[in-house]
C-alpha cells in the first residue's frame, strides 16, 4: 500500500512548494519505518536457510 500511496503523497507535497510539508512527510515516513524494526522483532519469522515450504504451508497444499 505504501508503494502506491507514498509516491503520490510525496509528489503532491513536493508540488506544493512548501519545504515544511515535505519535511513533515519525510518525518512521517521515518517514523513508520522505525516502527517496522520492533514489529519485525515481535512478529517476524526466523526463516534464514529454510525453504518456503518449511516456513508456511503452501496455499495449494491438500490434506492427505
C-alpha atoms as a PDB file:
ATOM      1  CA  UNK A   1       0.000   0.000   0.000  1.00  0.00           C
ATOM      2  CA  UNK A   2       2.818   2.378   0.818  1.00  0.00           C
ATOM      3  CA  UNK A   3       4.466   1.679  -2.530  1.00  0.00           C
ATOM      4  CA  UNK A   4       1.476   3.229  -4.270  1.00  0.00           C
ATOM      5  CA  UNK A   5       0.447   5.971  -1.874  1.00  0.00           C
ATOM      6  CA  UNK A   6       3.967   7.111  -0.964  1.00  0.00           C
ATOM      7  CA  UNK A   7       4.990   8.459  -4.377  1.00  0.00           C
ATOM      8  CA  UNK A   8       1.575  10.041  -4.883  1.00  0.00           C
ATOM      9  CA  UNK A   9       1.705  11.741  -1.494  1.00  0.00           C
ATOM     10  CA  UNK A  10       5.289  12.959  -1.883  1.00  0.00           C
ATOM     11  CA  UNK A  11       4.517  14.155  -5.406  1.00  0.00           C
ATOM     12  CA  UNK A  12       1.750  16.364  -4.046  1.00  0.00           C
ATOM     13  CA  UNK A  13       3.928  17.561  -1.165  1.00  0.00           C
ATOM     14  CA  UNK A  14       6.798  18.473  -3.481  1.00  0.00           C
ATOM     15  CA  UNK A  15       4.447  20.105  -5.979  1.00  0.00           C
ATOM     16  CA  UNK A  16       3.046  22.301  -3.187  1.00  0.00           C
ATOM     17  CA  UNK A  17       6.419  24.078  -2.971  1.00  0.00           C
ATOM     18  CA  UNK A  18       6.310  24.139   0.843  1.00  0.00           C
ATOM     19  CA  UNK A  19       9.548  22.702   2.246  1.00  0.00           C
ATOM     20  CA  UNK A  20       7.920  22.295   5.660  1.00  0.00           C
ATOM     21  CA  UNK A  21       5.306  19.920   4.273  1.00  0.00           C
ATOM     22  CA  UNK A  22       7.986  17.861   2.548  1.00  0.00           C
ATOM     23  CA  UNK A  23       9.958  17.689   5.812  1.00  0.00           C
ATOM     24  CA  UNK A  24       6.853  16.518   7.685  1.00  0.00           C
ATOM     25  CA  UNK A  25       6.327  13.855   5.012  1.00  0.00           C
ATOM     26  CA  UNK A  26       9.878  12.597   5.467  1.00  0.00           C
ATOM     27  CA  UNK A  27       9.476  12.552   9.254  1.00  0.00           C
ATOM     28  CA  UNK A  28       6.241  10.561   9.000  1.00  0.00           C
ATOM     29  CA  UNK A  29       7.956   8.101   6.644  1.00  0.00           C
ATOM     30  CA  UNK A  30      10.910   7.772   9.023  1.00  0.00           C
ATOM     31  CA  UNK A  31       8.576   7.128  11.964  1.00  0.00           C
ATOM     32  CA  UNK A  32       6.721   4.398  10.066  1.00  0.00           C
ATOM     33  CA  UNK A  33       9.992   2.723   9.103  1.00  0.00           C
ATOM     34  CA  UNK A  34      11.255   2.996  12.689  1.00  0.00           C
ATOM     35  CA  UNK A  35       8.143   1.142  13.853  1.00  0.00           C
ATOM     36  CA  UNK A  36       8.946  -1.613  11.350  1.00  0.00           C
ATOM     37  CA  UNK A  37      12.011  -2.721  13.331  1.00  0.00           C
ATOM     38  CA  UNK A  38      10.218  -3.551  16.580  1.00  0.00           C
ATOM     39  CA  UNK A  39       7.338  -5.062  14.597  1.00  0.00           C
ATOM     40  CA  UNK A  40       9.795  -7.456  12.944  1.00  0.00           C
ATOM     41  CA  UNK A  41      11.280  -8.389  16.321  1.00  0.00           C
ATOM     42  CA  UNK A  42       7.864  -9.281  17.744  1.00  0.00           C
ATOM     43  CA  UNK A  43       6.096 -10.690  14.676  1.00  0.00           C
ATOM     44  CA  UNK A  44       8.950 -11.798  12.425  1.00  0.00           C
ATOM     45  CA  UNK A  45       9.553 -15.419  11.468  1.00  0.00           C
ATOM     46  CA  UNK A  46      13.024 -16.948  11.624  1.00  0.00           C
ATOM     47  CA  UNK A  47      13.380 -18.042   8.021  1.00  0.00           C
ATOM     48  CA  UNK A  48      17.084 -18.000   7.230  1.00  0.00           C
ATOM     49  CA  UNK A  49      18.415 -21.075   5.418  1.00  0.00           C
ATOM     50  CA  UNK A  50      14.901 -22.602   5.159  1.00  0.00           C
ATOM     51  CA  UNK A  51      12.721 -23.299   2.161  1.00  0.00           C
ATOM     52  CA  UNK A  52       9.346 -21.620   1.932  1.00  0.00           C
ATOM     53  CA  UNK A  53       7.564 -24.941   2.431  1.00  0.00           C
ATOM     54  CA  UNK A  54       9.208 -25.294   5.867  1.00  0.00           C
ATOM     55  CA  UNK A  55       8.060 -21.827   6.920  1.00  0.00           C
ATOM     56  CA  UNK A  56       4.425 -21.903   5.833  1.00  0.00           C
ATOM     57  CA  UNK A  57       2.113 -24.452   4.252  1.00  0.00           C
ATOM     58  CA  UNK A  58       1.666 -23.726   0.530  1.00  0.00           C
ATOM     59  CA  UNK A  59      -1.743 -22.307  -0.434  1.00  0.00           C
ATOM     60  CA  UNK A  60      -2.301 -25.126  -2.930  1.00  0.00           C
ATOM     61  CA  UNK A  61      -1.481 -27.913  -0.453  1.00  0.00           C
ATOM     62  CA  UNK A  62      -4.198 -30.511   0.059  1.00  0.00           C
ATOM     63  CA  UNK A  63      -4.859 -32.594   3.150  1.00  0.00           C
ATOM     64  CA  UNK A  64      -3.794 -36.236   2.832  1.00  0.00           C
END
